[in-house]
Amino acid sequence: VRAGVFDKTGIMLARKVEPLRLRRP
């Protein structure tokens, strides 16, 4: 999962990434 914070001009001020749990049966 990626989350980004943007100002109203489209500049990304911060971005954080967190891993997901995925099962592969």
PDBML (XML) file of the C-alpha atoms, coordinates in Angstrom:
<?xml version="1.0" encoding="UTF-8" ?>
<PDBx:datablock datablockName="MODEL"
   xmlns:PDBx="http://pdbml.pdb.org/schema/pdbx-v50.xsd"
   xmlns:xsi="http://www.w3.org/2001/XMLSchema-instance"
   xsi:schemaLocation="http://pdbml.pdb.org/schema/pdbx-v50.xsd pdbx-v50.xsd">
   <PDBx:atom_siteCategory>
      <PDBx:atom_site id="1">
         <PDBx:B_iso_or_equiv>0.00</PDBx:B_iso_or_equiv>
         <PDBx:Cartn_x>0.000</PDBx:Cartn_x>
         <PDBx:Cartn_y>0.000</PDBx:Cartn_y>
         <PDBx:Cartn_z>0.000</PDBx:Cartn_z>
         <PDBx:auth_asym_id>A</PDBx:auth_asym_id>
         <PDBx:auth_atom_id>CA</PDBx:auth_atom_id>
         <PDBx:auth_comp_id>VAL</PDBx:auth_comp_id>
         <PDBx:auth_seq_id>1</PDBx:auth_seq_id>
         <PDBx:group_PDB>ATOM</PDBx:group_PDB>
         <PDBx:label_alt_id xsi:nil="true" />
         <PDBx:label_asym_id>A</PDBx:label_asym_id>
         <PDBx:label_atom_id>CA</PDBx:label_atom_id>
         <PDBx:label_comp_id>VAL</PDBx:label_comp_id>
         <PDBx:label_entity_id>1</PDBx:label_entity_id>
         <PDBx:label_seq_id>1</PDBx:label_seq_id>
         <PDBx:occupancy>1.00</PDBx:occupancy>
         <PDBx:pdbx_PDB_model_num>1</PDBx:pdbx_PDB_model_num>
         <PDBx:type_symbol>C</PDBx:type_symbol>
      </PDBx:atom_site>
      <PDBx:atom_site id="2">
         <PDBx:B_iso_or_equiv>0.00</PDBx:B_iso_or_equiv>
         <PDBx:Cartn_x>1.346</PDBx:Cartn_x>
         <PDBx:Cartn_y>3.419</PDBx:Cartn_y>
         <PDBx:Cartn_z>-0.945</PDBx:Cartn_z>
         <PDBx:auth_asym_id>A</PDBx:auth_asym_id>
         <PDBx:auth_atom_id>CA</PDBx:auth_atom_id>
         <PDBx:auth_comp_id>ARG</PDBx:auth_comp_id>
         <PDBx:auth_seq_id>2</PDBx:auth_seq_id>
         <PDBx:group_PDB>ATOM</PDBx:group_PDB>
         <PDBx:label_alt_id xsi:nil="true" />
         <PDBx:label_asym_id>A</PDBx:label_asym_id>
         <PDBx:label_atom_id>CA</PDBx:label_atom_id>
         <PDBx:label_comp_id>ARG</PDBx:label_comp_id>
         <PDBx:label_entity_id>1</PDBx:label_entity_id>
         <PDBx:label_seq_id>2</PDBx:label_seq_id>
         <PDBx:occupancy>1.00</PDBx:occupancy>
         <PDBx:pdbx_PDB_model_num>1</PDBx:pdbx_PDB_model_num>
         <PDBx:type_symbol>C</PDBx:type_symbol>
      </PDBx:atom_site>
      <PDBx:atom_site id="3">
         <PDBx:B_iso_or_equiv>0.00</PDBx:B_iso_or_equiv>
         <PDBx:Cartn_x>0.030</PDBx:Cartn_x>
         <PDBx:Cartn_y>6.663</PDBx:Cartn_y>
         <PDBx:Cartn_z>0.512</PDBx:Cartn_z>
         <PDBx:auth_asym_id>A</PDBx:auth_asym_id>
         <PDBx:auth_atom_id>CA</PDBx:auth_atom_id>
         <PDBx:auth_comp_id>ALA</PDBx:auth_comp_id>
         <PDBx:auth_seq_id>3</PDBx:auth_seq_id>
         <PDBx:group_PDB>ATOM</PDBx:group_PDB>
         <PDBx:label_alt_id xsi:nil="true" />
         <PDBx:label_asym_id>A</PDBx:label_asym_id>
         <PDBx:label_atom_id>CA</PDBx:label_atom_id>
         <PDBx:label_comp_id>ALA</PDBx:label_comp_id>
         <PDBx:label_entity_id>1</PDBx:label_entity_id>
         <PDBx:label_seq_id>3</PDBx:label_seq_id>
         <PDBx:occupancy>1.00</PDBx:occupancy>
         <PDBx:pdbx_PDB_model_num>1</PDBx:pdbx_PDB_model_num>
         <PDBx:type_symbol>C</PDBx:type_symbol>
      </PDBx:atom_site>
      <PDBx:atom_site id="4">
         <PDBx:B_iso_or_equiv>0.00</PDBx:B_iso_or_equiv>
         <PDBx:Cartn_x>1.054</PDBx:Cartn_x>
         <PDBx:Cartn_y>10.100</PDBx:Cartn_y>
         <PDBx:Cartn_z>-0.725</PDBx:Cartn_z>
         <PDBx:auth_asym_id>A</PDBx:auth_asym_id>
         <PDBx:auth_atom_id>CA</PDBx:auth_atom_id>
         <PDBx:auth_comp_id>GLY</PDBx:auth_comp_id>
         <PDBx:auth_seq_id>4</PDBx:auth_seq_id>
         <PDBx:group_PDB>ATOM</PDBx:group_PDB>
         <PDBx:label_alt_id xsi:nil="true" />
         <PDBx:label_asym_id>A</PDBx:label_asym_id>
         <PDBx:label_atom_id>CA</PDBx:label_atom_id>
         <PDBx:label_comp_id>GLY</PDBx:label_comp_id>
         <PDBx:label_entity_id>1</PDBx:label_entity_id>
         <PDBx:label_seq_id>4</PDBx:label_seq_id>
         <PDBx:occupancy>1.00</PDBx:occupancy>
         <PDBx:pdbx_PDB_model_num>1</PDBx:pdbx_PDB_model_num>
         <PDBx:type_symbol>C</PDBx:type_symbol>
      </PDBx:atom_site>
      <PDBx:atom_site id="5">
         <PDBx:B_iso_or_equiv>0.00</PDBx:B_iso_or_equiv>
         <PDBx:Cartn_x>0.362</PDBx:Cartn_x>
         <PDBx:Cartn_y>13.623</PDBx:Cartn_y>
         <PDBx:Cartn_z>0.499</PDBx:Cartn_z>
         <PDBx:auth_asym_id>A</PDBx:auth_asym_id>
         <PDBx:auth_atom_id>CA</PDBx:auth_atom_id>
         <PDBx:auth_comp_id>VAL</PDBx:auth_comp_id>
         <PDBx:auth_seq_id>5</PDBx:auth_seq_id>
         <PDBx:group_PDB>ATOM</PDBx:group_PDB>
         <PDBx:label_alt_id xsi:nil="true" />
         <PDBx:label_asym_id>A</PDBx:label_asym_id>
         <PDBx:label_atom_id>CA</PDBx:label_atom_id>
         <PDBx:label_comp_id>VAL</PDBx:label_comp_id>
         <PDBx:label_entity_id>1</PDBx:label_entity_id>
         <PDBx:label_seq_id>5</PDBx:label_seq_id>
         <PDBx:occupancy>1.00</PDBx:occupancy>
         <PDBx:pdbx_PDB_model_num>1</PDBx:pdbx_PDB_model_num>
         <PDBx:type_symbol>C</PDBx:type_symbol>
      </PDBx:atom_site>
      <PDBx:atom_site id="6">
         <PDBx:B_iso_or_equiv>0.00</PDBx:B_iso_or_equiv>
         <PDBx:Cartn_x>-0.038</PDBx:Cartn_x>
         <PDBx:Cartn_y>16.296</PDBx:Cartn_y>
         <PDBx:Cartn_z>-2.199</PDBx:Cartn_z>
         <PDBx:auth_asym_id>A</PDBx:auth_asym_id>
         <PDBx:auth_atom_id>CA</PDBx:auth_atom_id>
         <PDBx:auth_comp_id>PHE</PDBx:auth_comp_id>
         <PDBx:auth_seq_id>6</PDBx:auth_seq_id>
         <PDBx:group_PDB>ATOM</PDBx:group_PDB>
         <PDBx:label_alt_id xsi:nil="true" />
         <PDBx:label_asym_id>A</PDBx:label_asym_id>
         <PDBx:label_atom_id>CA</PDBx:label_atom_id>
         <PDBx:label_comp_id>PHE</PDBx:label_comp_id>
         <PDBx:label_entity_id>1</PDBx:label_entity_id>
         <PDBx:label_seq_id>6</PDBx:label_seq_id>
         <PDBx:occupancy>1.00</PDBx:occupancy>
         <PDBx:pdbx_PDB_model_num>1</PDBx:pdbx_PDB_model_num>
         <PDBx:type_symbol>C</PDBx:type_symbol>
      </PDBx:atom_site>
      <PDBx:atom_site id="7">
         <PDBx:B_iso_or_equiv>0.00</PDBx:B_iso_or_equiv>
         <PDBx:Cartn_x>-0.527</PDBx:Cartn_x>
         <PDBx:Cartn_y>20.044</PDBx:Cartn_y>
         <PDBx:Cartn_z>-2.131</PDBx:Cartn_z>
         <PDBx:auth_asym_id>A</PDBx:auth_asym_id>
         <PDBx:auth_atom_id>CA</PDBx:auth_atom_id>
         <PDBx:auth_comp_id>ASP</PDBx:auth_comp_id>
         <PDBx:auth_seq_id>7</PDBx:auth_seq_id>
         <PDBx:group_PDB>ATOM</PDBx:group_PDB>
         <PDBx:label_alt_id xsi:nil="true" />
         <PDBx:label_asym_id>A</PDBx:label_asym_id>
         <PDBx:label_atom_id>CA</PDBx:label_atom_id>
         <PDBx:label_comp_id>ASP</PDBx:label_comp_id>
         <PDBx:label_entity_id>1</PDBx:label_entity_id>
         <PDBx:label_seq_id>7</PDBx:label_seq_id>
         <PDBx:occupancy>1.00</PDBx:occupancy>
         <PDBx:pdbx_PDB_model_num>1</PDBx:pdbx_PDB_model_num>
         <PDBx:type_symbol>C</PDBx:type_symbol>
      </PDBx:atom_site>
      <PDBx:atom_site id="8">
         <PDBx:B_iso_or_equiv>0.00</PDBx:B_iso_or_equiv>
         <PDBx:Cartn_x>-3.070</PDBx:Cartn_x>
         <PDBx:Cartn_y>21.658</PDBx:Cartn_y>
         <PDBx:Cartn_z>-4.439</PDBx:Cartn_z>
         <PDBx:auth_asym_id>A</PDBx:auth_asym_id>
         <PDBx:auth_atom_id>CA</PDBx:auth_atom_id>
         <PDBx:auth_comp_id>LYS</PDBx:auth_comp_id>
         <PDBx:auth_seq_id>8</PDBx:auth_seq_id>
         <PDBx:group_PDB>ATOM</PDBx:group_PDB>
         <PDBx:label_alt_id xsi:nil="true" />
         <PDBx:label_asym_id>A</PDBx:label_asym_id>
         <PDBx:label_atom_id>CA</PDBx:label_atom_id>
         <PDBx:label_comp_id>LYS</PDBx:label_comp_id>
         <PDBx:label_entity_id>1</PDBx:label_entity_id>
         <PDBx:label_seq_id>8</PDBx:label_seq_id>
         <PDBx:occupancy>1.00</PDBx:occupancy>
         <PDBx:pdbx_PDB_model_num>1</PDBx:pdbx_PDB_model_num>
         <PDBx:type_symbol>C</PDBx:type_symbol>
      </PDBx:atom_site>
      <PDBx:atom_site id="9">
         <PDBx:B_iso_or_equiv>0.00</PDBx:B_iso_or_equiv>
         <PDBx:Cartn_x>-0.459</PDBx:Cartn_x>
         <PDBx:Cartn_y>22.223</PDBx:Cartn_y>
         <PDBx:Cartn_z>-7.168</PDBx:Cartn_z>
         <PDBx:auth_asym_id>A</PDBx:auth_asym_id>
         <PDBx:auth_atom_id>CA</PDBx:auth_atom_id>
         <PDBx:auth_comp_id>THR</PDBx:auth_comp_id>
         <PDBx:auth_seq_id>9</PDBx:auth_seq_id>
         <PDBx:group_PDB>ATOM</PDBx:group_PDB>
         <PDBx:label_alt_id xsi:nil="true" />
         <PDBx:label_asym_id>A</PDBx:label_asym_id>
         <PDBx:label_atom_id>CA</PDBx:label_atom_id>
         <PDBx:label_comp_id>THR</PDBx:label_comp_id>
         <PDBx:label_entity_id>1</PDBx:label_entity_id>
         <PDBx:label_seq_id>9</PDBx:label_seq_id>
         <PDBx:occupancy>1.00</PDBx:occupancy>
         <PDBx:pdbx_PDB_model_num>1</PDBx:pdbx_PDB_model_num>
         <PDBx:type_symbol>C</PDBx:type_symbol>
      </PDBx:atom_site>
      <PDBx:atom_site id="10">
         <PDBx:B_iso_or_equiv>0.00</PDBx:B_iso_or_equiv>
         <PDBx:Cartn_x>0.258</PDBx:Cartn_x>
         <PDBx:Cartn_y>18.475</PDBx:Cartn_y>
         <PDBx:Cartn_z>-7.430</PDBx:Cartn_z>
         <PDBx:auth_asym_id>A</PDBx:auth_asym_id>
         <PDBx:auth_atom_id>CA</PDBx:auth_atom_id>
         <PDBx:auth_comp_id>GLY</PDBx:auth_comp_id>
         <PDBx:auth_seq_id>10</PDBx:auth_seq_id>
         <PDBx:group_PDB>ATOM</PDBx:group_PDB>
         <PDBx:label_alt_id xsi:nil="true" />
         <PDBx:label_asym_id>A</PDBx:label_asym_id>
         <PDBx:label_atom_id>CA</PDBx:label_atom_id>
         <PDBx:label_comp_id>GLY</PDBx:label_comp_id>
         <PDBx:label_entity_id>1</PDBx:label_entity_id>
         <PDBx:label_seq_id>10</PDBx:label_seq_id>
         <PDBx:occupancy>1.00</PDBx:occupancy>
         <PDBx:pdbx_PDB_model_num>1</PDBx:pdbx_PDB_model_num>
         <PDBx:type_symbol>C</PDBx:type_symbol>
      </PDBx:atom_site>
      <PDBx:atom_site id="11">
         <PDBx:B_iso_or_equiv>0.00</PDBx:B_iso_or_equiv>
         <PDBx:Cartn_x>3.568</PDBx:Cartn_x>
         <PDBx:Cartn_y>18.432</PDBx:Cartn_y>
         <PDBx:Cartn_z>-5.557</PDBx:Cartn_z>
         <PDBx:auth_asym_id>A</PDBx:auth_asym_id>
         <PDBx:auth_atom_id>CA</PDBx:auth_atom_id>
         <PDBx:auth_comp_id>ILE</PDBx:auth_comp_id>
         <PDBx:auth_seq_id>11</PDBx:auth_seq_id>
         <PDBx:group_PDB>ATOM</PDBx:group_PDB>
         <PDBx:label_alt_id xsi:nil="true" />
         <PDBx:label_asym_id>A</PDBx:label_asym_id>
         <PDBx:label_atom_id>CA</PDBx:label_atom_id>
         <PDBx:label_comp_id>ILE</PDBx:label_comp_id>
         <PDBx:label_entity_id>1</PDBx:label_entity_id>
         <PDBx:label_seq_id>11</PDBx:label_seq_id>
         <PDBx:occupancy>1.00</PDBx:occupancy>
         <PDBx:pdbx_PDB_model_num>1</PDBx:pdbx_PDB_model_num>
         <PDBx:type_symbol>C</PDBx:type_symbol>
      </PDBx:atom_site>
      <PDBx:atom_site id="12">
         <PDBx:B_iso_or_equiv>0.00</PDBx:B_iso_or_equiv>
         <PDBx:Cartn_x>3.977</PDBx:Cartn_x>
         <PDBx:Cartn_y>15.281</PDBx:Cartn_y>
         <PDBx:Cartn_z>-3.478</PDBx:Cartn_z>
         <PDBx:auth_asym_id>A</PDBx:auth_asym_id>
         <PDBx:auth_atom_id>CA</PDBx:auth_atom_id>
         <PDBx:auth_comp_id>MET</PDBx:auth_comp_id>
         <PDBx:auth_seq_id>12</PDBx:auth_seq_id>
         <PDBx:group_PDB>ATOM</PDBx:group_PDB>
         <PDBx:label_alt_id xsi:nil="true" />
         <PDBx:label_asym_id>A</PDBx:label_asym_id>
         <PDBx:label_atom_id>CA</PDBx:label_atom_id>
         <PDBx:label_comp_id>MET</PDBx:label_comp_id>
         <PDBx:label_entity_id>1</PDBx:label_entity_id>
         <PDBx:label_seq_id>12</PDBx:label_seq_id>
         <PDBx:occupancy>1.00</PDBx:occupancy>
         <PDBx:pdbx_PDB_model_num>1</PDBx:pdbx_PDB_model_num>
         <PDBx:type_symbol>C</PDBx:type_symbol>
      </PDBx:atom_site>
      <PDBx:atom_site id="13">
         <PDBx:B_iso_or_equiv>0.00</PDBx:B_iso_or_equiv>
         <PDBx:Cartn_x>5.207</PDBx:Cartn_x>
         <PDBx:Cartn_y>16.216</PDBx:Cartn_y>
         <PDBx:Cartn_z>-0.004</PDBx:Cartn_z>
         <PDBx:auth_asym_id>A</PDBx:auth_asym_id>
         <PDBx:auth_atom_id>CA</PDBx:auth_atom_id>
         <PDBx:auth_comp_id>LEU</PDBx:auth_comp_id>
         <PDBx:auth_seq_id>13</PDBx:auth_seq_id>
         <PDBx:group_PDB>ATOM</PDBx:group_PDB>
         <PDBx:label_alt_id xsi:nil="true" />
         <PDBx:label_asym_id>A</PDBx:label_asym_id>
         <PDBx:label_atom_id>CA</PDBx:label_atom_id>
         <PDBx:label_comp_id>LEU</PDBx:label_comp_id>
         <PDBx:label_entity_id>1</PDBx:label_entity_id>
         <PDBx:label_seq_id>13</PDBx:label_seq_id>
         <PDBx:occupancy>1.00</PDBx:occupancy>
         <PDBx:pdbx_PDB_model_num>1</PDBx:pdbx_PDB_model_num>
         <PDBx:type_symbol>C</PDBx:type_symbol>
      </PDBx:atom_site>
      <PDBx:atom_site id="14">
         <PDBx:B_iso_or_equiv>0.00</PDBx:B_iso_or_equiv>
         <PDBx:Cartn_x>5.529</PDBx:Cartn_x>
         <PDBx:Cartn_y>12.712</PDBx:Cartn_y>
         <PDBx:Cartn_z>1.441</PDBx:Cartn_z>
         <PDBx:auth_asym_id>A</PDBx:auth_asym_id>
         <PDBx:auth_atom_id>CA</PDBx:auth_atom_id>
         <PDBx:auth_comp_id>ALA</PDBx:auth_comp_id>
         <PDBx:auth_seq_id>14</PDBx:auth_seq_id>
         <PDBx:group_PDB>ATOM</PDBx:group_PDB>
         <PDBx:label_alt_id xsi:nil="true" />
         <PDBx:label_asym_id>A</PDBx:label_asym_id>
         <PDBx:label_atom_id>CA</PDBx:label_atom_id>
         <PDBx:label_comp_id>ALA</PDBx:label_comp_id>
         <PDBx:label_entity_id>1</PDBx:label_entity_id>
         <PDBx:label_seq_id>14</PDBx:label_seq_id>
         <PDBx:occupancy>1.00</PDBx:occupancy>
         <PDBx:pdbx_PDB_model_num>1</PDBx:pdbx_PDB_model_num>
         <PDBx:type_symbol>C</PDBx:type_symbol>
      </PDBx:atom_site>
      <PDBx:atom_site id="15">
         <PDBx:B_iso_or_equiv>0.00</PDBx:B_iso_or_equiv>
         <PDBx:Cartn_x>5.088</PDBx:Cartn_x>
         <PDBx:Cartn_y>9.088</PDBx:Cartn_y>
         <PDBx:Cartn_z>0.409</PDBx:Cartn_z>
         <PDBx:auth_asym_id>A</PDBx:auth_asym_id>
         <PDBx:auth_atom_id>CA</PDBx:auth_atom_id>
         <PDBx:auth_comp_id>ARG</PDBx:auth_comp_id>
         <PDBx:auth_seq_id>15</PDBx:auth_seq_id>
         <PDBx:group_PDB>ATOM</PDBx:group_PDB>
         <PDBx:label_alt_id xsi:nil="true" />
         <PDBx:label_asym_id>A</PDBx:label_asym_id>
         <PDBx:label_atom_id>CA</PDBx:label_atom_id>
         <PDBx:label_comp_id>ARG</PDBx:label_comp_id>
         <PDBx:label_entity_id>1</PDBx:label_entity_id>
         <PDBx:label_seq_id>15</PDBx:label_seq_id>
         <PDBx:occupancy>1.00</PDBx:occupancy>
         <PDBx:pdbx_PDB_model_num>1</PDBx:pdbx_PDB_model_num>
         <PDBx:type_symbol>C</PDBx:type_symbol>
      </PDBx:atom_site>
      <PDBx:atom_site id="16">
         <PDBx:B_iso_or_equiv>0.00</PDBx:B_iso_or_equiv>
         <PDBx:Cartn_x>4.967</PDBx:Cartn_x>
         <PDBx:Cartn_y>5.994</PDBx:Cartn_y>
         <PDBx:Cartn_z>2.587</PDBx:Cartn_z>
         <PDBx:auth_asym_id>A</PDBx:auth_asym_id>
         <PDBx:auth_atom_id>CA</PDBx:auth_atom_id>
         <PDBx:auth_comp_id>LYS</PDBx:auth_comp_id>
         <PDBx:auth_seq_id>16</PDBx:auth_seq_id>
         <PDBx:group_PDB>ATOM</PDBx:group_PDB>
         <PDBx:label_alt_id xsi:nil="true" />
         <PDBx:label_asym_id>A</PDBx:label_asym_id>
         <PDBx:label_atom_id>CA</PDBx:label_atom_id>
         <PDBx:label_comp_id>LYS</PDBx:label_comp_id>
         <PDBx:label_entity_id>1</PDBx:label_entity_id>
         <PDBx:label_seq_id>16</PDBx:label_seq_id>
         <PDBx:occupancy>1.00</PDBx:occupancy>
         <PDBx:pdbx_PDB_model_num>1</PDBx:pdbx_PDB_model_num>
         <PDBx:type_symbol>C</PDBx:type_symbol>
      </PDBx:atom_site>
      <PDBx:atom_site id="17">
         <PDBx:B_iso_or_equiv>0.00</PDBx:B_iso_or_equiv>
         <PDBx:Cartn_x>4.863</PDBx:Cartn_x>
         <PDBx:Cartn_y>2.319</PDBx:Cartn_y>
         <PDBx:Cartn_z>1.625</PDBx:Cartn_z>
         <PDBx:auth_asym_id>A</PDBx:auth_asym_id>
         <PDBx:auth_atom_id>CA</PDBx:auth_atom_id>
         <PDBx:auth_comp_id>VAL</PDBx:auth_comp_id>
         <PDBx:auth_seq_id>17</PDBx:auth_seq_id>
         <PDBx:group_PDB>ATOM</PDBx:group_PDB>
         <PDBx:label_alt_id xsi:nil="true" />
         <PDBx:label_asym_id>A</PDBx:label_asym_id>
         <PDBx:label_atom_id>CA</PDBx:label_atom_id>
         <PDBx:label_comp_id>VAL</PDBx:label_comp_id>
         <PDBx:label_entity_id>1</PDBx:label_entity_id>
         <PDBx:label_seq_id>17</PDBx:label_seq_id>
         <PDBx:occupancy>1.00</PDBx:occupancy>
         <PDBx:pdbx_PDB_model_num>1</PDBx:pdbx_PDB_model_num>
         <PDBx:type_symbol>C</PDBx:type_symbol>
      </PDBx:atom_site>
      <PDBx:atom_site id="18">
         <PDBx:B_iso_or_equiv>0.00</PDBx:B_iso_or_equiv>
         <PDBx:Cartn_x>3.609</PDBx:Cartn_x>
         <PDBx:Cartn_y>-0.586</PDBx:Cartn_y>
         <PDBx:Cartn_z>3.732</PDBx:Cartn_z>
         <PDBx:auth_asym_id>A</PDBx:auth_asym_id>
         <PDBx:auth_atom_id>CA</PDBx:auth_atom_id>
         <PDBx:auth_comp_id>GLU</PDBx:auth_comp_id>
         <PDBx:auth_seq_id>18</PDBx:auth_seq_id>
         <PDBx:group_PDB>ATOM</PDBx:group_PDB>
         <PDBx:label_alt_id xsi:nil="true" />
         <PDBx:label_asym_id>A</PDBx:label_asym_id>
         <PDBx:label_atom_id>CA</PDBx:label_atom_id>
         <PDBx:label_comp_id>GLU</PDBx:label_comp_id>
         <PDBx:label_entity_id>1</PDBx:label_entity_id>
         <PDBx:label_seq_id>18</PDBx:label_seq_id>
         <PDBx:occupancy>1.00</PDBx:occupancy>
         <PDBx:pdbx_PDB_model_num>1</PDBx:pdbx_PDB_model_num>
         <PDBx:type_symbol>C</PDBx:type_symbol>
      </PDBx:atom_site>
      <PDBx:atom_site id="19">
         <PDBx:B_iso_or_equiv>0.00</PDBx:B_iso_or_equiv>
         <PDBx:Cartn_x>3.775</PDBx:Cartn_x>
         <PDBx:Cartn_y>-4.284</PDBx:Cartn_y>
         <PDBx:Cartn_z>2.702</PDBx:Cartn_z>
         <PDBx:auth_asym_id>A</PDBx:auth_asym_id>
         <PDBx:auth_atom_id>CA</PDBx:auth_atom_id>
         <PDBx:auth_comp_id>PRO</PDBx:auth_comp_id>
         <PDBx:auth_seq_id>19</PDBx:auth_seq_id>
         <PDBx:group_PDB>ATOM</PDBx:group_PDB>
         <PDBx:label_alt_id xsi:nil="true" />
         <PDBx:label_asym_id>A</PDBx:label_asym_id>
         <PDBx:label_atom_id>CA</PDBx:label_atom_id>
         <PDBx:label_comp_id>PRO</PDBx:label_comp_id>
         <PDBx:label_entity_id>1</PDBx:label_entity_id>
         <PDBx:label_seq_id>19</PDBx:label_seq_id>
         <PDBx:occupancy>1.00</PDBx:occupancy>
         <PDBx:pdbx_PDB_model_num>1</PDBx:pdbx_PDB_model_num>
         <PDBx:type_symbol>C</PDBx:type_symbol>
      </PDBx:atom_site>
      <PDBx:atom_site id="20">
         <PDBx:B_iso_or_equiv>0.00</PDBx:B_iso_or_equiv>
         <PDBx:Cartn_x>0.668</PDBx:Cartn_x>
         <PDBx:Cartn_y>-6.419</PDBx:Cartn_y>
         <PDBx:Cartn_z>2.269</PDBx:Cartn_z>
         <PDBx:auth_asym_id>A</PDBx:auth_asym_id>
         <PDBx:auth_atom_id>CA</PDBx:auth_atom_id>
         <PDBx:auth_comp_id>LEU</PDBx:auth_comp_id>
         <PDBx:auth_seq_id>20</PDBx:auth_seq_id>
         <PDBx:group_PDB>ATOM</PDBx:group_PDB>
         <PDBx:label_alt_id xsi:nil="true" />
         <PDBx:label_asym_id>A</PDBx:label_asym_id>
         <PDBx:label_atom_id>CA</PDBx:label_atom_id>
         <PDBx:label_comp_id>LEU</PDBx:label_comp_id>
         <PDBx:label_entity_id>1</PDBx:label_entity_id>
         <PDBx:label_seq_id>20</PDBx:label_seq_id>
         <PDBx:occupancy>1.00</PDBx:occupancy>
         <PDBx:pdbx_PDB_model_num>1</PDBx:pdbx_PDB_model_num>
         <PDBx:type_symbol>C</PDBx:type_symbol>
      </PDBx:atom_site>
      <PDBx:atom_site id="21">
         <PDBx:B_iso_or_equiv>0.00</PDBx:B_iso_or_equiv>
         <PDBx:Cartn_x>0.096</PDBx:Cartn_x>
         <PDBx:Cartn_y>-9.999</PDBx:Cartn_y>
         <PDBx:Cartn_z>3.345</PDBx:Cartn_z>
         <PDBx:auth_asym_id>A</PDBx:auth_asym_id>
         <PDBx:auth_atom_id>CA</PDBx:auth_atom_id>
         <PDBx:auth_comp_id>ARG</PDBx:auth_comp_id>
         <PDBx:auth_seq_id>21</PDBx:auth_seq_id>
         <PDBx:group_PDB>ATOM</PDBx:group_PDB>
         <PDBx:label_alt_id xsi:nil="true" />
         <PDBx:label_asym_id>A</PDBx:label_asym_id>
         <PDBx:label_atom_id>CA</PDBx:label_atom_id>
         <PDBx:label_comp_id>ARG</PDBx:label_comp_id>
         <PDBx:label_entity_id>1</PDBx:label_entity_id>
         <PDBx:label_seq_id>21</PDBx:label_seq_id>
         <PDBx:occupancy>1.00</PDBx:occupancy>
         <PDBx:pdbx_PDB_model_num>1</PDBx:pdbx_PDB_model_num>
         <PDBx:type_symbol>C</PDBx:type_symbol>
      </PDBx:atom_site>
      <PDBx:atom_site id="22">
         <PDBx:B_iso_or_equiv>0.00</PDBx:B_iso_or_equiv>
         <PDBx:Cartn_x>-0.677</PDBx:Cartn_x>
         <PDBx:Cartn_y>-12.122</PDBx:Cartn_y>
         <PDBx:Cartn_z>0.275</PDBx:Cartn_z>
         <PDBx:auth_asym_id>A</PDBx:auth_asym_id>
         <PDBx:auth_atom_id>CA</PDBx:auth_atom_id>
         <PDBx:auth_comp_id>LEU</PDBx:auth_comp_id>
         <PDBx:auth_seq_id>22</PDBx:auth_seq_id>
         <PDBx:group_PDB>ATOM</PDBx:group_PDB>
         <PDBx:label_alt_id xsi:nil="true" />
         <PDBx:label_asym_id>A</PDBx:label_asym_id>
         <PDBx:label_atom_id>CA</PDBx:label_atom_id>
         <PDBx:label_comp_id>LEU</PDBx:label_comp_id>
         <PDBx:label_entity_id>1</PDBx:label_entity_id>
         <PDBx:label_seq_id>22</PDBx:label_seq_id>
         <PDBx:occupancy>1.00</PDBx:occupancy>
         <PDBx:pdbx_PDB_model_num>1</PDBx:pdbx_PDB_model_num>
         <PDBx:type_symbol>C</PDBx:type_symbol>
      </PDBx:atom_site>
      <PDBx:atom_site id="23">
         <PDBx:B_iso_or_equiv>0.00</PDBx:B_iso_or_equiv>
         <PDBx:Cartn_x>-1.528</PDBx:Cartn_x>
         <PDBx:Cartn_y>-15.815</PDBx:Cartn_y>
         <PDBx:Cartn_z>0.307</PDBx:Cartn_z>
         <PDBx:auth_asym_id>A</PDBx:auth_asym_id>
         <PDBx:auth_atom_id>CA</PDBx:auth_atom_id>
         <PDBx:auth_comp_id>ARG</PDBx:auth_comp_id>
         <PDBx:auth_seq_id>23</PDBx:auth_seq_id>
         <PDBx:group_PDB>ATOM</PDBx:group_PDB>
         <PDBx:label_alt_id xsi:nil="true" />
         <PDBx:label_asym_id>A</PDBx:label_asym_id>
         <PDBx:label_atom_id>CA</PDBx:label_atom_id>
         <PDBx:label_comp_id>ARG</PDBx:label_comp_id>
         <PDBx:label_entity_id>1</PDBx:label_entity_id>
         <PDBx:label_seq_id>23</PDBx:label_seq_id>
         <PDBx:occupancy>1.00</PDBx:occupancy>
         <PDBx:pdbx_PDB_model_num>1</PDBx:pdbx_PDB_model_num>
         <PDBx:type_symbol>C</PDBx:type_symbol>
      </PDBx:atom_site>
      <PDBx:atom_site id="24">
         <PDBx:B_iso_or_equiv>0.00</PDBx:B_iso_or_equiv>
         <PDBx:Cartn_x>-0.634</PDBx:Cartn_x>
         <PDBx:Cartn_y>-17.809</PDBx:Cartn_y>
         <PDBx:Cartn_z>-2.822</PDBx:Cartn_z>
         <PDBx:auth_asym_id>A</PDBx:auth_asym_id>
         <PDBx:auth_atom_id>CA</PDBx:auth_atom_id>
         <PDBx:auth_comp_id>ARG</PDBx:auth_comp_id>
         <PDBx:auth_seq_id>24</PDBx:auth_seq_id>
         <PDBx:group_PDB>ATOM</PDBx:group_PDB>
         <PDBx:label_alt_id xsi:nil="true" />
         <PDBx:label_asym_id>A</PDBx:label_asym_id>
         <PDBx:label_atom_id>CA</PDBx:label_atom_id>
         <PDBx:label_comp_id>ARG</PDBx:label_comp_id>
         <PDBx:label_entity_id>1</PDBx:label_entity_id>
         <PDBx:label_seq_id>24</PDBx:label_seq_id>
         <PDBx:occupancy>1.00</PDBx:occupancy>
         <PDBx:pdbx_PDB_model_num>1</PDBx:pdbx_PDB_model_num>
         <PDBx:type_symbol>C</PDBx:type_symbol>
      </PDBx:atom_site>
      <PDBx:atom_site id="25">
         <PDBx:B_iso_or_equiv>0.00</PDBx:B_iso_or_equiv>
         <PDBx:Cartn_x>-2.549</PDBx:Cartn_x>
         <PDBx:Cartn_y>-21.130</PDBx:Cartn_y>
         <PDBx:Cartn_z>-2.662</PDBx:Cartn_z>
         <PDBx:auth_asym_id>A</PDBx:auth_asym_id>
         <PDBx:auth_atom_id>CA</PDBx:auth_atom_id>
         <PDBx:auth_comp_id>PRO</PDBx:auth_comp_id>
         <PDBx:auth_seq_id>25</PDBx:auth_seq_id>
         <PDBx:group_PDB>ATOM</PDBx:group_PDB>
         <PDBx:label_alt_id xsi:nil="true" />
         <PDBx:label_asym_id>A</PDBx:label_asym_id>
         <PDBx:label_atom_id>CA</PDBx:label_atom_id>
         <PDBx:label_comp_id>PRO</PDBx:label_comp_id>
         <PDBx:label_entity_id>1</PDBx:label_entity_id>
         <PDBx:label_seq_id>25</PDBx:label_seq_id>
         <PDBx:occupancy>1.00</PDBx:occupancy>
         <PDBx:pdbx_PDB_model_num>1</PDBx:pdbx_PDB_model_num>
         <PDBx:type_symbol>C</PDBx:type_symbol>
      </PDBx:atom_site>
   </PDBx:atom_siteCategory>
</PDBx:datablock>
